[in-house]
Protein backbone atom coordinates (compact mmCIF):
# COMPACT_ATOMS: atom_id res chain seq x y z
CA MET A 1 13.21 -8.86 6.50
CA HIS A 2 9.51 -8.92 7.84
CA ARG A 3 7.06 -6.70 5.94
CA ARG A 4 6.35 -5.14 9.51
CA THR A 5 10.23 -4.26 10.41
CA PHE A 6 10.67 -0.98 12.14
CA LEU A 7 13.48 1.42 12.86
CA ARG A 8 14.20 1.52 16.59
CA GLY A 9 15.49 3.45 19.03
CA LEU A 10 15.48 4.60 22.67
CA GLY A 11 12.18 3.17 22.75
CA VAL A 12 10.60 4.59 20.03
CA CYS A 13 9.41 2.85 16.55
CA LEU A 14 8.96 4.49 13.36
CA PRO A 15 6.72 2.39 10.40
CA LEU A 16 8.25 2.16 7.11
CA PRO A 17 7.17 2.33 4.00
CA TRP A 18 5.92 -0.14 1.67
CA LEU A 19 9.63 -1.26 0.27
CA GLU A 20 10.33 -4.26 -1.77
CA ALA A 21 12.69 -5.81 0.26
CA LEU A 22 10.39 -5.81 2.99
CA THR A 23 7.54 -7.87 1.03
CA PRO A 24 7.45 -11.32 0.26
CA ARG A 25 8.20 -11.87 -3.82
CA ALA A 26 4.77 -13.79 -3.74
CA VAL A 27 3.27 -10.27 -3.26
CA ALA A 28 3.49 -8.66 -6.56
CA GLN A 29 0.30 -5.95 -5.47
CA PRO A 30 1.01 -3.24 -2.52
CA PRO A 31 -2.33 -2.64 -0.36
CA GLN A 32 -5.28 -0.52 -1.71
CA ARG A 33 -5.93 2.91 0.51
CA PHE A 34 -8.67 5.07 0.44
CA ALA A 35 -8.96 8.52 1.16
CA PHE A 36 -12.46 11.06 2.17
CA ILE A 37 -11.79 14.34 1.36
CA TYR A 38 -15.40 16.71 2.49
CA THR A 39 -15.74 20.08 1.02
CA PRO A 40 -19.09 21.90 3.03
CA ASN A 41 -21.85 24.11 1.36
CA GLY A 42 -21.89 22.95 -2.05
CA TYR A 43 -19.68 24.40 -5.24
CA ASN A 44 -20.68 27.01 -7.83
CA GLN A 45 -21.64 24.58 -10.51
CA ALA A 46 -21.06 27.02 -13.29
CA THR A 47 -17.50 27.08 -12.67
CA PHE A 48 -16.83 23.11 -11.08
CA VAL A 49 -18.52 20.92 -13.21
CA PRO A 50 -17.18 20.54 -16.94
CA LYS A 51 -20.43 20.89 -19.45
CA ALA A 52 -17.98 18.14 -21.95
CA THR A 53 -17.95 14.49 -20.54
CA GLY A 54 -15.59 11.72 -21.52
CA ALA A 55 -11.77 12.00 -21.86
CA ALA A 56 -12.24 15.44 -23.34
CA TRP A 57 -13.38 17.18 -20.44
CA GLU A 58 -12.59 20.75 -19.75
CA LEU A 59 -10.89 22.56 -17.77
CA THR A 60 -13.08 24.98 -15.34
CA PRO A 61 -11.93 27.66 -13.38
CA ALA A 62 -12.55 25.72 -10.36
CA LEU A 63 -10.75 22.42 -11.26
CA GLU A 64 -7.98 24.47 -12.82
CA PRO A 65 -5.13 23.23 -10.15
CA LEU A 66 -5.37 19.66 -11.43
CA ALA A 67 -4.64 20.21 -15.40
CA ASP A 68 -1.17 17.98 -14.63
CA LEU A 69 -3.40 15.30 -13.25
CA ARG A 70 -6.31 15.05 -16.22
CA LYS A 71 -5.47 11.27 -16.24
CA GLU A 72 -5.37 10.16 -12.60
CA ILE A 73 -8.46 11.82 -12.05
CA SER A 74 -12.61 10.52 -13.15
CA ILE A 75 -15.01 13.18 -12.47
CA VAL A 76 -18.77 11.59 -11.66
CA SER A 77 -21.72 14.23 -11.84
CA GLY A 78 -26.00 14.27 -11.28
CA LEU A 79 -25.98 11.91 -8.91
CA ASP A 80 -28.70 12.07 -6.30
CA ARG A 81 -29.48 11.42 -2.75
CA THR A 82 -32.45 11.81 -0.81
CA PHE A 83 -33.49 14.07 1.80
CA VAL A 84 -34.93 13.22 5.17
CA GLY A 85 -37.91 15.67 6.67
CA GLY A 86 -37.10 16.77 10.01
CA THR A 87 -33.54 17.19 10.49
CA GLY A 88 -31.63 20.60 9.31
CA VAL A 89 -30.93 20.14 5.08
CA HIS A 90 -27.00 21.64 6.09
CA ALA A 91 -26.52 18.40 8.88
CA GLN A 92 -27.86 15.79 7.21
CA CYS A 93 -26.06 16.62 4.03
CA GLY A 94 -22.85 16.20 5.36
CA ALA A 95 -23.41 13.31 8.19
CA CYS A 96 -25.14 11.36 5.91
CA TRP A 97 -22.83 11.99 2.60
CA LEU A 98 -20.96 8.17 3.46
CA THR A 99 -23.51 6.95 5.38
CA SER A 100 -24.79 3.06 4.64
CA SER A 101 -28.54 3.65 5.42
CA PRO A 102 -31.09 4.49 2.85
CA PRO A 103 -33.29 7.29 3.35
CA THR A 104 -36.48 5.46 5.14
CA GLU A 105 -34.18 3.78 7.69
CA THR A 106 -33.23 6.92 9.96
CA LEU A 107 -32.16 4.77 13.17
CA ASP A 108 -30.16 8.16 14.48
CA GLY A 109 -33.55 10.00 15.21
CA GLY A 110 -34.35 11.54 11.92
CA PHE A 111 -31.35 10.89 10.85
CA PRO A 112 -30.24 8.05 8.14
CA THR A 113 -26.92 7.90 10.04
CA ASN A 114 -24.91 4.60 10.07
CA THR A 115 -21.88 2.59 9.21
CA THR A 116 -20.08 4.96 7.10
CA LEU A 117 -18.52 3.54 3.53
CA ASP A 118 -15.25 4.82 5.15
CA GLN A 119 -15.35 2.96 8.48
CA VAL A 120 -16.87 -0.49 6.09
CA ILE A 121 -14.15 -0.15 4.30
CA ALA A 122 -11.93 0.17 7.09
CA ARG A 123 -13.09 -3.21 8.45
CA GLN A 124 -12.30 -4.69 5.17
CA ILE A 125 -8.89 -3.43 4.50
CA GLY A 126 -7.36 -2.14 7.80
CA GLY A 127 -6.68 -5.00 9.77
CA GLU A 128 -3.23 -5.35 9.28
CA THR A 129 -2.39 -1.59 10.56
CA ALA A 130 -1.80 0.35 13.30
CA LEU A 131 -4.60 2.09 13.05
CA PRO A 132 -8.04 0.75 11.23
CA SER A 133 -8.56 4.10 10.09
CA ILE A 134 -7.69 8.22 10.82
CA GLU A 135 -10.18 10.90 10.78
CA LEU A 136 -8.94 14.67 10.50
CA SER A 137 -10.99 17.39 10.22
CA CYS A 138 -9.63 21.37 9.35
CA ASN A 139 -12.64 23.11 11.65
CA ASP A 140 -10.38 24.92 13.65
CA PHE A 141 -13.20 27.15 14.63
CA THR A 142 -12.96 27.95 18.66
CA ASP A 143 -16.91 28.72 18.97
CA SER A 144 -19.51 25.61 19.21
CA LYS A 145 -22.47 27.25 16.79
CA GLU A 146 -23.64 23.71 15.96
CA THR A 147 -23.89 19.96 16.77
CA ARG A 148 -21.59 17.17 15.88
CA TYR A 149 -23.56 16.39 12.74
CA TYR A 150 -22.20 19.15 10.63
CA GLU A 151 -18.48 18.61 10.92
CA CYS A 152 -18.60 14.56 11.36
CA ILE A 153 -18.69 12.59 8.18
CA SER A 154 -17.32 9.25 9.75
CA TRP A 155 -19.70 7.17 11.73
CA ALA A 156 -19.07 3.62 13.17
CA GLY A 157 -22.52 3.41 13.54
CA PRO A 158 -25.95 5.10 14.11
CA GLY A 159 -25.52 7.92 16.34
CA TYR A 160 -21.62 6.72 17.24
CA ALA A 161 -19.41 10.09 14.98
CA ALA A 162 -15.99 8.85 14.93
CA ASN A 163 -14.22 11.64 16.94
CA VAL A 164 -12.16 13.55 14.46
CA GLU A 165 -8.16 15.26 15.12
CA LYS A 166 -7.71 18.83 14.57
CA ASN A 167 -4.10 19.37 15.37
CA PRO A 168 -1.75 18.20 13.20
CA ARG A 169 1.14 17.66 15.75
CA ALA A 170 -1.23 15.43 17.86
CA VAL A 171 -2.25 13.62 14.73
CA PHE A 172 1.86 13.48 14.33
CA GLN A 173 2.03 11.78 17.37
CA ARG A 174 -0.78 9.45 17.10
CA LEU A 175 0.82 8.48 13.63
CA PHE A 176 4.46 7.78 14.46
CA GLY A 177 4.15 7.83 19.00
CA THR A 178 6.12 10.71 19.65
CA ALA A 179 3.84 11.88 22.57
CA GLY A 180 5.82 13.28 25.32
CA ARG A 181 8.99 13.40 23.14
CA PRO A 182 8.17 16.75 21.46
CA THR A 183 11.71 18.05 21.83
CA ARG A 184 12.75 16.00 19.96
CA SER A 185 12.75 14.49 16.41
CA VAL A 186 11.30 10.88 15.95
CA LEU A 187 13.94 10.57 13.59
CA ASP A 188 17.00 11.41 15.39
CA VAL A 189 16.36 8.23 17.50
CA VAL A 190 15.98 5.74 15.02
CA MET A 191 18.76 7.12 12.62
CA ALA A 192 21.64 4.14 13.45
CA ASP A 193 18.74 1.56 12.84
CA ALA A 194 18.33 3.17 9.41
CA LYS A 195 21.40 3.45 8.23
CA ALA A 196 21.95 0.11 9.08
CA LEU A 197 18.96 -0.72 7.26
CA GLN A 198 19.91 0.43 4.22
CA GLY A 199 23.10 -1.55 4.06
CA LYS A 200 20.57 -4.51 3.26
CA LEU A 201 18.16 -2.54 0.84
CA GLY A 202 18.54 -2.12 -2.64
CA VAL A 203 19.34 0.77 -4.97
CA GLU A 204 15.61 1.43 -5.24
CA ASP A 205 15.25 1.25 -1.57
CA CYS A 206 17.56 3.25 -0.27
CA GLU A 207 16.34 6.32 -2.96
CA LYS A 208 12.77 5.33 -1.16
CA LEU A 209 13.64 5.09 2.69
CA GLU A 210 15.72 8.25 1.93
CA GLU A 211 12.59 10.26 0.52
CA TYR A 212 10.43 9.21 3.36
CA LEU A 213 13.03 9.58 6.04
CA GLU A 214 13.13 13.49 4.17
CA SER A 215 9.51 13.64 3.80
CA VAL A 216 8.82 12.63 7.90
CA ARG A 217 10.97 15.16 8.80
CA ALA A 218 10.03 17.98 6.98
CA THR A 219 6.17 17.24 9.00
CA GLU A 220 8.03 17.23 11.49
CA GLN A 221 10.19 20.88 10.64
CA ARG A 222 6.46 22.32 9.59
CA ILE A 223 4.30 21.77 12.48
CA GLU A 224 7.43 22.97 14.64
CA LEU A 225 7.20 26.37 12.33
CA ALA A 226 3.58 26.37 13.14
CA GLU A 227 3.74 26.20 16.54
CA LYS A 228 6.27 28.93 16.93
CA ALA A 229 4.11 31.48 14.80
CA ALA A 230 1.26 30.43 17.40
CA LYS A 231 2.83 31.63 19.96
CA ARG A 232 4.57 34.49 18.73
CA MET A 233 1.34 35.70 16.85
CA ALA A 234 -0.15 38.73 19.88
CA LYS A 235 -3.56 38.60 18.13
CA PRO A 236 -3.44 36.00 14.69
CA PRO A 237 -6.54 36.76 12.36
CA ILE A 238 -8.94 33.94 13.32
CA PRO A 239 -8.40 31.95 17.43
CA GLU A 240 -6.17 29.02 15.81
CA PRO A 241 -4.76 26.35 18.55
CA GLU A 242 -1.28 25.73 18.99
CA GLY A 243 0.04 23.38 16.19
CA ILE A 244 -2.08 24.60 13.62
CA PRO A 245 -0.65 27.04 10.94
CA GLU A 246 -1.44 30.46 10.50
CA GLN A 247 -1.95 30.31 6.96
CA ARG A 248 -5.32 28.40 6.00
CA GLY A 249 -3.75 26.73 3.12
CA ASP A 250 -0.35 25.23 4.86
CA TYR A 251 -2.73 23.90 7.44
CA LEU A 252 -4.76 22.26 4.87
CA ARG A 253 -1.94 21.06 3.21
CA LEU A 254 -0.15 19.90 6.54
CA MET A 255 -3.10 17.84 6.80
CA GLY A 256 -2.89 16.03 3.83
CA GLU A 257 0.50 15.54 3.74
CA LEU A 258 -0.06 13.32 7.19
CA ILE A 259 -2.11 11.34 5.22
CA VAL A 260 -0.04 10.81 2.49
CA LEU A 261 2.90 9.68 4.82
CA ALA A 262 0.20 7.64 6.72
CA PHE A 263 -0.60 6.04 3.41
CA GLN A 264 3.26 5.45 2.72
CA ASN A 265 4.10 3.15 5.83
CA ASP A 266 1.13 1.54 5.89
CA LEU A 267 0.02 3.06 9.37
CA THR A 268 -3.47 3.18 7.65
CA ARG A 269 -5.48 2.63 4.98
CA VAL A 270 -8.47 4.72 5.37
CA ALA A 271 -8.70 8.49 5.91
CA SER A 272 -11.01 11.07 6.16
CA LEU A 273 -10.91 14.82 6.23
CA VAL A 274 -13.06 17.69 6.59
CA VAL A 275 -12.24 20.73 5.19
CA ASP A 276 -14.53 22.63 6.99
CA PRO A 277 -17.66 22.22 8.75
CA GLU A 278 -21.38 22.22 7.58
CA ARG A 279 -22.62 26.12 7.41
CA TRP A 280 -21.50 27.44 10.74
CA ASP A 281 -21.19 30.76 9.96
CA SER A 282 -18.49 32.58 11.00
CA PRO A 283 -15.65 34.16 8.66
CA ARG A 284 -12.73 32.39 7.69
CA MET A 285 -9.56 33.56 6.46
CA PHE A 286 -8.70 32.66 2.80
CA HIS A 287 -5.57 33.49 2.78
CA GLY A 288 -4.42 34.32 -0.68
CA VAL A 289 -7.65 34.56 -2.01
CA PHE A 290 -9.19 37.70 -0.34
CA ASP A 291 -7.72 40.51 2.06
CA LYS A 292 -10.40 40.14 4.50
CA PRO A 293 -12.40 36.79 5.95
CA GLN A 294 -14.75 35.49 4.05
CA ASN A 295 -18.52 32.95 5.16
CA HIS A 296 -18.51 30.43 2.85
CA HIS A 297 -22.16 29.54 4.00
CA VAL A 298 -23.36 33.33 3.55
CA LEU A 299 -21.89 33.81 -0.09
CA THR A 300 -23.87 30.71 -1.10
CA HIS A 301 -26.65 32.40 -0.55
CA THR A 302 -26.02 36.10 -1.87
CA LYS A 303 -26.97 36.58 -5.27
CA GLY A 304 -25.36 38.19 -7.88
CA ASP A 305 -21.70 37.95 -9.86
CA GLU A 306 -19.36 39.30 -6.86
CA ALA A 307 -20.79 36.77 -4.20
CA LYS A 308 -20.28 34.18 -7.83
CA ALA A 309 -16.91 34.94 -8.28
CA ALA A 310 -15.66 34.78 -4.56
CA LEU A 311 -17.37 31.12 -4.51
CA THR A 312 -15.43 29.90 -7.18
CA LYS A 313 -12.17 31.15 -5.65
CA ILE A 314 -13.53 29.23 -2.72
CA ASP A 315 -13.78 26.15 -4.85
CA ARG A 316 -10.35 26.10 -6.67
CA PHE A 317 -8.68 26.60 -3.29
CA HIS A 318 -10.35 23.84 -1.99
CA VAL A 319 -9.50 21.49 -5.13
CA GLU A 320 -5.90 23.07 -4.61
CA LEU A 321 -5.65 20.83 -1.66
CA TYR A 322 -7.00 18.20 -3.23
CA ALA A 323 -4.78 18.63 -5.82
CA TYR A 324 -1.82 18.67 -3.41
CA VAL A 325 -2.54 15.61 -1.96
CA ILE A 326 -2.80 13.40 -5.47
CA GLU A 327 0.81 14.99 -6.79
CA ARG A 328 2.28 13.46 -3.71
CA LEU A 329 0.63 10.87 -3.64
CA ARG A 330 2.21 10.01 -7.22
CA SER A 331 5.65 11.89 -6.80
CA ILE A 332 6.22 8.29 -4.38
CA ARG A 333 7.31 5.20 -6.18
CA GLU A 334 5.41 1.97 -4.95
CA GLY A 335 5.92 -1.29 -6.33
CA GLU A 336 6.42 -0.81 -10.28
CA GLY A 337 3.79 2.46 -10.28
CA THR A 338 3.24 4.78 -8.00
CA LEU A 339 1.36 5.59 -4.46
CA LEU A 340 -1.19 6.68 -6.19
CA ASP A 341 -1.99 3.50 -8.29
CA SER A 342 -3.19 2.12 -5.54
CA CYS A 343 -5.17 4.27 -4.14
CA CYS A 344 -8.67 6.30 -4.49
CA VAL A 345 -9.22 9.78 -3.21
CA VAL A 346 -12.63 11.09 -3.25
CA MET A 347 -13.61 14.97 -3.10
CA GLY A 348 -16.98 15.81 -3.07
CA SER A 349 -20.08 17.76 -0.94
CA GLY A 350 -23.39 16.57 0.16
CA LEU A 351 -24.88 19.45 -1.79
CA SER A 352 -24.61 20.57 -5.39
CA ASP A 353 -26.15 24.00 -5.20
CA GLY A 354 -26.09 25.86 -1.64
CA ASP A 355 -28.57 28.31 -2.19
CA SER A 356 -31.50 26.28 -2.86
CA HIS A 357 -30.00 23.58 -0.82
CA LYS A 358 -29.72 21.01 -3.31
CA TYR A 359 -29.13 17.42 -2.61
CA SER A 360 -29.58 15.77 -6.64
CA ASP A 361 -26.99 16.71 -9.14
CA LEU A 362 -24.06 15.91 -6.81
CA GLU A 363 -20.45 16.20 -8.16
CA VAL A 364 -17.90 13.82 -6.75
CA LEU A 365 -13.69 13.87 -7.76
CA ILE A 366 -12.07 10.53 -7.86
CA ALA A 367 -8.32 10.38 -8.18
CA GLY A 368 -6.36 6.91 -8.39
CA ARG A 369 -6.80 3.31 -9.56
CA ALA A 370 -7.83 1.06 -6.52
CA GLY A 371 -4.86 -1.04 -6.84
CA GLY A 372 -5.98 -1.39 -10.98
CA LEU A 373 -10.09 -1.77 -10.12
CA LEU A 374 -10.65 1.77 -11.08
CA GLN A 375 -10.11 3.07 -14.52
CA PRO A 376 -9.47 7.48 -13.77
CA GLY A 377 -9.95 9.94 -16.54
CA ALA A 378 -13.16 10.92 -17.59
CA HIS A 379 -16.05 12.63 -16.99
CA HIS A 380 -19.19 10.65 -16.64
CA HIS A 381 -22.89 13.07 -15.64
CA PHE A 382 -26.19 10.59 -15.17
CA ALA A 383 -28.53 13.84 -14.85
CA GLY A 384 -29.95 12.50 -12.30
CA GLN A 385 -30.80 8.84 -12.91
CA VAL A 386 -28.23 7.76 -10.70
CA PRO A 387 -28.39 7.46 -6.60
CA LEU A 388 -25.18 8.57 -4.99
CA ALA A 389 -24.87 5.24 -3.07
CA ASN A 390 -24.69 3.53 -6.79
CA LEU A 391 -20.76 5.29 -6.35
CA TRP A 392 -20.33 3.85 -2.90
CA LEU A 393 -21.41 0.12 -3.70
CA THR A 394 -18.77 0.60 -6.78
CA LEU A 395 -15.84 1.65 -4.28
CA ALA A 396 -17.05 -0.77 -1.13
CA GLN A 397 -16.72 -3.93 -3.81
CA SER A 398 -13.21 -2.30 -5.01
CA ALA A 399 -12.44 -2.79 -1.62
CA GLY A 400 -13.48 -6.44 -1.37
CA VAL A 401 -16.50 -5.61 0.58
CA LYS A 402 -18.70 -8.38 0.13
CA ARG A 403 -22.21 -6.84 -0.11
CA GLU A 404 -24.77 -5.89 -3.37
CA ARG A 405 -26.32 -3.38 -2.01
CA PHE A 406 -25.47 0.24 -0.01
CA ALA A 407 -27.80 2.37 1.46
CA ASP A 408 -30.43 3.15 -1.63
CA SER A 409 -28.01 1.59 -4.50
CA SER A 410 -29.37 0.17 -7.52
CA GLY A 411 -25.88 -1.38 -8.85
CA ILE A 412 -22.45 -0.18 -9.37
CA ILE A 413 -21.05 2.30 -11.61
CA SER A 414 -19.69 -0.03 -14.42
CA GLN A 415 -17.56 2.91 -16.12
CA LEU A 416 -15.33 3.87 -13.49
CA ARG A 417 -14.64 -0.04 -13.31
CA ALA A 418 -11.15 -1.02 -15.04
């Protein structure tokens, strides 16, 4: 069978996950995938960054959700970026987090935006997929308090931000081609083809296909529940577009699950997710963490132990999303390993300390092996001696991008290479 075999029924095509039976014997290596998850306003570094380096790094309060994933994750801290005067510190830290322009190259007004790392990688490895990349955001605020520079991390070029999708249902329809057929499950119309295909597969592939179909069904059901909840609530605690779960954690995990599904069936190999926009100053409800909405940005500028403790809780809340995505990827068998083995999943912020708007001492979490080219499991600290762009150059080269410089890079981070 050809690698791009689809399940078909009544005009609907459902792409399949990576299966041994669909892969030529000469192709032993699953494709690489890269995901970039952005969180705003920096972190409470005292409870986020481990003090120990190497494989013995300790689980700080914010990183405790990663307890079972230590061997899958690298922490890189002490990285630097240069702030370019003339634009807002919050606007530039998000918009230019992944940029390929050095600070001296302001091609977009006062911003050094350019083709971002995710798009550079997508142009290298996204040619064989239906979608070269997907750009998602969990910014469901209805008040447009800021410009696109506060909520866009993916750019096709200077001044050209990639359009983000915020509605999980729209993402699902884009991935699985179900627009215009919202009342019927995509699986219902392809099940006959799926049963016929199972007769041609081995035991492991049958189990993998069944797992995949179940995950697709579960995601459909979660979206349907979210839509029902949105209609049921007379006055939700925060404005929620139809299709977005009322619980914040459910929303984040659902978007993370959609990235996992997109990677699993090889619909795309590059994804980005903005957890929340920079600054904004609209209170956000963190369900299960606080009993009332919190203003993340204001908390970063509030002195005292109570504010610091609240920031740690928000950091941990976001790390829980990261842990969920990593665990889901690790739970899916692919080839001789797991889906996570072929992935590189990055999480970070454009600021280290939100109170001082600090661009130095940035910390980044990296999970996965990128097909065997990265070696996770350690904390690497560089004490401000290494540009953030060195990390981006390392990842770009790991994806096969032929370039020796990325923005203001001075080389790669060899400690991350396998």
